[in-house]
Protein backbone atom coordinates (compact mmCIF):
# COMPACT_ATOMS: atom_id res chain seq x y z
CA MET A 1 -58.56 -10.27 -47.07
CA THR A 2 -60.12 -6.86 -46.44
CA ILE A 3 -58.90 -4.07 -44.16
CA LEU A 4 -61.49 -1.53 -43.02
CA LEU A 5 -60.72 1.40 -40.74
CA ILE A 6 -63.46 2.80 -38.50
CA THR A 7 -63.30 6.42 -37.43
CA GLY A 8 -65.77 8.92 -36.02
CA THR A 9 -66.67 12.55 -36.39
CA SER A 10 -65.68 12.92 -32.73
CA THR A 11 -65.41 10.91 -29.55
CA ASP A 12 -68.40 9.02 -28.08
CA VAL A 13 -70.30 8.65 -31.35
CA GLY A 14 -70.41 4.85 -31.23
CA LYS A 15 -67.27 3.62 -33.00
CA THR A 16 -66.75 0.65 -30.70
CA VAL A 17 -70.33 -0.60 -30.99
CA VAL A 18 -70.26 -0.20 -34.78
CA THR A 19 -66.96 -2.10 -34.91
CA ALA A 20 -68.49 -4.87 -32.79
CA ALA A 21 -71.51 -5.03 -35.10
CA LEU A 22 -69.30 -5.41 -38.18
CA ALA A 23 -67.27 -8.11 -36.46
CA ALA A 24 -70.44 -9.95 -35.46
CA ILE A 25 -71.88 -9.79 -38.97
CA ALA A 26 -68.73 -11.10 -40.62
CA ALA A 27 -68.25 -13.85 -38.03
CA GLY A 28 -71.89 -14.83 -38.45
CA GLU A 29 -71.20 -15.33 -42.15
CA GLY A 30 -68.40 -17.75 -41.29
CA ARG A 31 -65.60 -15.27 -41.99
CA SER A 32 -62.48 -14.98 -39.88
CA VAL A 33 -62.19 -11.57 -38.21
CA ALA A 34 -59.42 -9.68 -36.43
CA VAL A 35 -59.81 -6.34 -34.68
CA CYS A 36 -57.04 -3.86 -33.90
CA LYS A 37 -57.29 -0.89 -31.54
CA PRO A 38 -53.89 0.82 -31.91
CA GLY A 39 -54.18 3.14 -28.91
CA GLN A 40 -56.50 2.76 -25.91
CA THR A 41 -56.74 5.73 -23.55
CA GLY A 42 -58.56 6.41 -20.32
CA VAL A 43 -58.29 2.80 -19.14
CA GLU A 44 -55.83 1.45 -16.61
CA VAL A 45 -53.65 -1.58 -17.35
CA GLY A 46 -55.61 -4.77 -16.69
CA ALA A 47 -59.04 -3.10 -16.93
CA PRO A 48 -61.36 -3.99 -19.80
CA GLY A 49 -61.14 -1.56 -22.72
CA ASP A 50 -62.84 -1.20 -26.09
CA LEU A 51 -61.55 -4.53 -27.37
CA ALA A 52 -63.06 -6.35 -24.40
CA GLU A 53 -66.40 -4.75 -25.24
CA ILE A 54 -66.07 -5.83 -28.87
CA GLN A 55 -65.30 -9.38 -27.74
CA ARG A 56 -68.29 -9.37 -25.37
CA LEU A 57 -70.74 -8.16 -27.99
CA SER A 58 -69.48 -9.98 -31.09
CA GLY A 59 -67.76 -13.11 -29.81
CA VAL A 60 -64.69 -12.30 -31.94
CA THR A 61 -61.59 -13.04 -29.87
CA ARG A 62 -58.69 -12.20 -32.18
CA THR A 63 -57.90 -8.68 -31.04
CA VAL A 64 -54.76 -6.56 -30.83
CA GLU A 65 -54.11 -3.49 -28.70
CA LEU A 66 -50.74 -1.85 -29.30
CA ALA A 67 -50.61 0.75 -26.52
CA ARG A 68 -52.59 1.80 -23.47
CA TYR A 69 -52.43 5.08 -21.60
CA PRO A 70 -54.33 5.93 -18.39
CA ASP A 71 -55.40 9.51 -19.11
CA PRO A 72 -58.60 10.02 -21.19
CA LEU A 73 -56.84 12.15 -23.79
CA ALA A 74 -55.63 11.89 -27.36
CA PRO A 75 -53.14 8.99 -27.48
CA ASP A 76 -50.08 11.12 -28.26
CA THR A 77 -50.82 13.52 -25.41
CA ALA A 78 -51.66 10.67 -23.04
CA ALA A 79 -48.39 8.94 -23.92
CA ARG A 80 -46.33 12.03 -23.17
CA ARG A 81 -48.10 12.64 -19.86
CA ALA A 82 -47.51 9.03 -18.81
CA GLY A 83 -43.89 9.05 -19.93
CA LEU A 84 -44.60 6.13 -22.25
CA PRO A 85 -43.53 5.61 -25.87
CA GLU A 86 -45.82 7.01 -28.52
CA LEU A 87 -47.11 4.75 -31.24
CA THR A 88 -45.50 5.06 -34.65
CA LEU A 89 -47.01 4.72 -38.07
CA ALA A 90 -44.47 2.05 -39.01
CA GLU A 91 -45.20 -0.25 -36.05
CA THR A 92 -48.95 0.19 -36.36
CA THR A 93 -48.91 -0.59 -40.08
CA ALA A 94 -46.84 -3.70 -39.41
CA ALA A 95 -49.23 -4.85 -36.66
CA VAL A 96 -52.27 -4.49 -38.91
CA GLU A 97 -50.57 -6.21 -41.84
CA ALA A 98 -49.67 -9.11 -39.53
CA LEU A 99 -53.41 -9.78 -39.20
CA THR A 100 -54.12 -10.00 -42.89
CA ASP A 101 -54.50 -13.78 -42.89
CA ALA A 102 -57.99 -12.98 -41.52
CA ASP A 103 -60.82 -12.44 -44.00
CA LEU A 104 -61.64 -9.08 -42.40
CA VAL A 105 -59.37 -6.81 -40.36
CA LEU A 106 -61.15 -3.98 -38.54
CA VAL A 107 -59.08 -1.09 -37.18
CA GLU A 108 -60.81 1.23 -34.72
CA GLY A 109 -59.36 4.69 -34.28
CA ALA A 110 -59.50 7.03 -31.30
CA GLY A 111 -61.77 10.06 -31.38
CA GLY A 112 -61.97 11.62 -34.82
CA LEU A 113 -60.05 11.15 -38.04
CA LEU A 114 -57.25 13.65 -37.30
CA VAL A 115 -56.67 12.76 -33.64
CA ARG A 116 -52.99 11.88 -33.28
CA LEU A 117 -52.41 8.26 -32.30
CA GLY A 118 -48.67 8.91 -32.06
CA ASP A 119 -46.64 10.37 -34.89
CA PHE A 120 -49.63 9.83 -37.18
CA THR A 121 -53.41 10.00 -37.53
CA LEU A 122 -55.90 7.40 -38.68
CA LEU A 123 -55.92 9.23 -42.01
CA ASP A 124 -52.17 8.59 -42.35
CA LEU A 125 -52.72 4.92 -41.50
CA ALA A 126 -55.46 4.59 -44.11
CA GLN A 127 -53.15 6.06 -46.74
CA ARG A 128 -50.31 3.75 -45.75
CA LEU A 129 -52.54 0.66 -45.79
CA ARG A 130 -54.45 1.81 -48.91
CA ALA A 131 -57.61 0.93 -47.01
CA PRO A 132 -61.08 2.52 -46.98
CA VAL A 133 -62.66 4.20 -43.98
CA LEU A 134 -66.15 3.81 -42.53
CA LEU A 135 -67.29 6.99 -40.80
CA VAL A 136 -69.40 6.78 -37.66
CA THR A 137 -71.40 9.92 -37.08
CA ALA A 138 -74.09 11.32 -34.82
CA PRO A 139 -77.68 12.20 -35.67
CA TRP A 140 -77.94 15.37 -33.60
CA LEU A 141 -77.31 19.06 -34.32
CA GLY A 142 -73.77 19.81 -35.48
CA THR A 143 -73.34 16.56 -37.36
CA LEU A 144 -73.63 18.14 -40.82
CA ASN A 145 -70.53 20.26 -40.25
CA HIS A 146 -68.52 17.56 -38.47
CA THR A 147 -69.36 14.91 -41.04
CA GLU A 148 -68.70 17.02 -44.10
CA LEU A 149 -65.38 18.22 -42.70
CA THR A 150 -64.32 14.60 -42.16
CA THR A 151 -65.44 13.36 -45.57
CA ARG A 152 -63.69 16.29 -47.24
CA ALA A 153 -60.46 15.46 -45.41
CA LEU A 154 -60.72 11.84 -46.58
CA SER A 155 -61.42 12.86 -50.16
CA SER A 156 -58.57 15.38 -50.24
CA ALA A 157 -56.19 12.66 -49.05
CA GLY A 158 -57.37 10.20 -51.68
CA VAL A 159 -58.91 7.84 -49.12
CA ARG A 160 -62.29 6.27 -49.96
CA CYS A 161 -65.09 6.71 -47.44
CA THR A 162 -67.11 3.52 -47.81
CA GLY A 163 -70.16 4.88 -45.98
CA LEU A 164 -71.67 6.75 -43.06
CA VAL A 165 -73.19 5.03 -40.03
CA PHE A 166 -75.19 6.52 -37.18
CA GLY A 167 -73.56 5.12 -34.07
CA ALA A 168 -76.57 5.72 -31.83
CA TRP A 169 -79.89 6.24 -33.60
CA PRO A 170 -82.57 7.30 -31.07
CA ALA A 171 -85.76 5.33 -30.56
CA GLU A 172 -87.69 8.59 -30.99
CA PRO A 173 -85.68 10.78 -33.38
CA ASP A 174 -86.34 14.51 -33.24
CA LEU A 175 -86.70 16.83 -36.22
CA ALA A 176 -82.95 17.45 -36.46
CA ALA A 177 -82.17 13.73 -36.56
CA GLU A 178 -84.78 13.04 -39.23
CA CYS A 179 -83.53 15.93 -41.37
CA ASN A 180 -79.89 14.94 -40.89
CA ARG A 181 -80.68 11.42 -42.07
CA THR A 182 -81.72 12.95 -45.39
CA ASP A 183 -79.19 15.76 -45.56
CA LEU A 184 -75.96 13.95 -44.67
CA PRO A 185 -75.71 11.92 -47.89
CA ARG A 186 -76.66 15.03 -49.87
CA VAL A 187 -73.96 17.29 -48.43
CA THR A 188 -71.20 14.69 -48.24
CA GLY A 189 -71.85 12.63 -51.36
CA VAL A 190 -71.42 9.51 -49.20
CA ASP A 191 -74.19 6.97 -48.64
CA LEU A 192 -75.70 6.46 -45.22
CA VAL A 193 -75.25 2.70 -44.92
CA GLY A 194 -76.32 1.95 -41.36
CA ALA A 195 -77.84 3.06 -38.09
CA VAL A 196 -77.20 1.31 -34.77
CA PRO A 197 -79.95 1.73 -32.16
CA ALA A 198 -79.01 3.86 -29.17
CA GLY A 199 -78.25 1.61 -26.22
CA ALA A 200 -77.34 -1.46 -28.28
CA GLY A 201 -73.94 -1.54 -26.59
CA GLY A 202 -75.70 -2.63 -23.41
CA TRP A 203 -77.32 -5.69 -24.98
CA ASP A 204 -76.16 -9.25 -24.44
CA ARG A 205 -74.29 -11.04 -27.21
CA ALA A 206 -77.17 -13.18 -28.44
CA ARG A 207 -79.47 -10.22 -28.93
CA PHE A 208 -76.70 -8.05 -30.39
CA THR A 209 -75.43 -10.55 -32.95
CA ALA A 210 -78.94 -11.48 -34.04
CA ALA A 211 -79.93 -7.87 -34.65
CA ALA A 212 -76.69 -6.46 -36.10
CA PRO A 213 -77.23 -7.48 -39.77
CA GLY A 214 -80.48 -5.51 -39.83
CA TRP A 215 -78.72 -2.27 -38.92
CA PHE A 216 -76.92 -1.99 -42.27
CA SER A 217 -78.11 -1.57 -45.82
CA PRO A 218 -78.39 -4.91 -47.65
CA HIS A 219 -76.54 -3.26 -50.53
CA TRP A 220 -73.47 -2.46 -48.40
CA SER A 221 -70.77 -4.81 -47.10
CA PRO A 222 -67.59 -4.29 -45.07
CA PHE A 223 -65.89 -6.31 -47.79
CA GLY A 224 -66.49 -3.51 -50.26
C-alpha cells in the first residue's frame, strides 16, 4: 500500500487532472486505487465535484469526500461562513488510513500546500501520515518563486517531495515555459517528473487513460 498526497503551488494549476491521471495509470496496471478529497469547496451539495471528475476521467470509483462547503474559499473559511463543522486532522488521518487496503491511496488537497483544510494543512497531514507529496505546478511566469517556496516548506518539515508535475503544459510553450522547464529542477532540487497537456481534463475517458502513462517519466512511479 502506498499513500501519495497531491498538492499545488496554488489553485487552478491542475491538481485534479493530475490526480485522475495517476489513478488511471495505476488502475491500468491492475492496481486497486482509492482517492480522497478531504474538503471540497465552491460546489453545492449534490453537484459533481473534483471526485466526480476523477471518476469520469480515470474510471476509478472508490472515492471519499469528507466535507463540502458552498463558497469557493479555503475550506476552513468556507466552513465558518456556512456554519458547518471544520475538518480535523484526526478525522482526516483516520479516513485516509481506512483506505489503505488499496494498493494506492491518492489524497488531493485544496489550493496550495499551506491552505487550511480545517485545523490543519496538507503539510500537517503528510507529516501525520508519513507520506510523500507530489507537487503540481504551472509553467508560466511566477512559478519559480511559488514552486521553490513550496518545496522549501516541504523540506523544512521533513516531508519528501517525490516530484514536480506541470498540470497544464501548453501546446505551444512560450520562452518562459521552456526556461522554467529547465530551471525548476535546478532551483528546487526536485525532478520534473511529468507534464499533462493543457485541456486534457476535457478529454473522454478512453483518450485520457490511453495517453496518461506517456505524460510521466518512465523512471518515476507513484509507488515511489
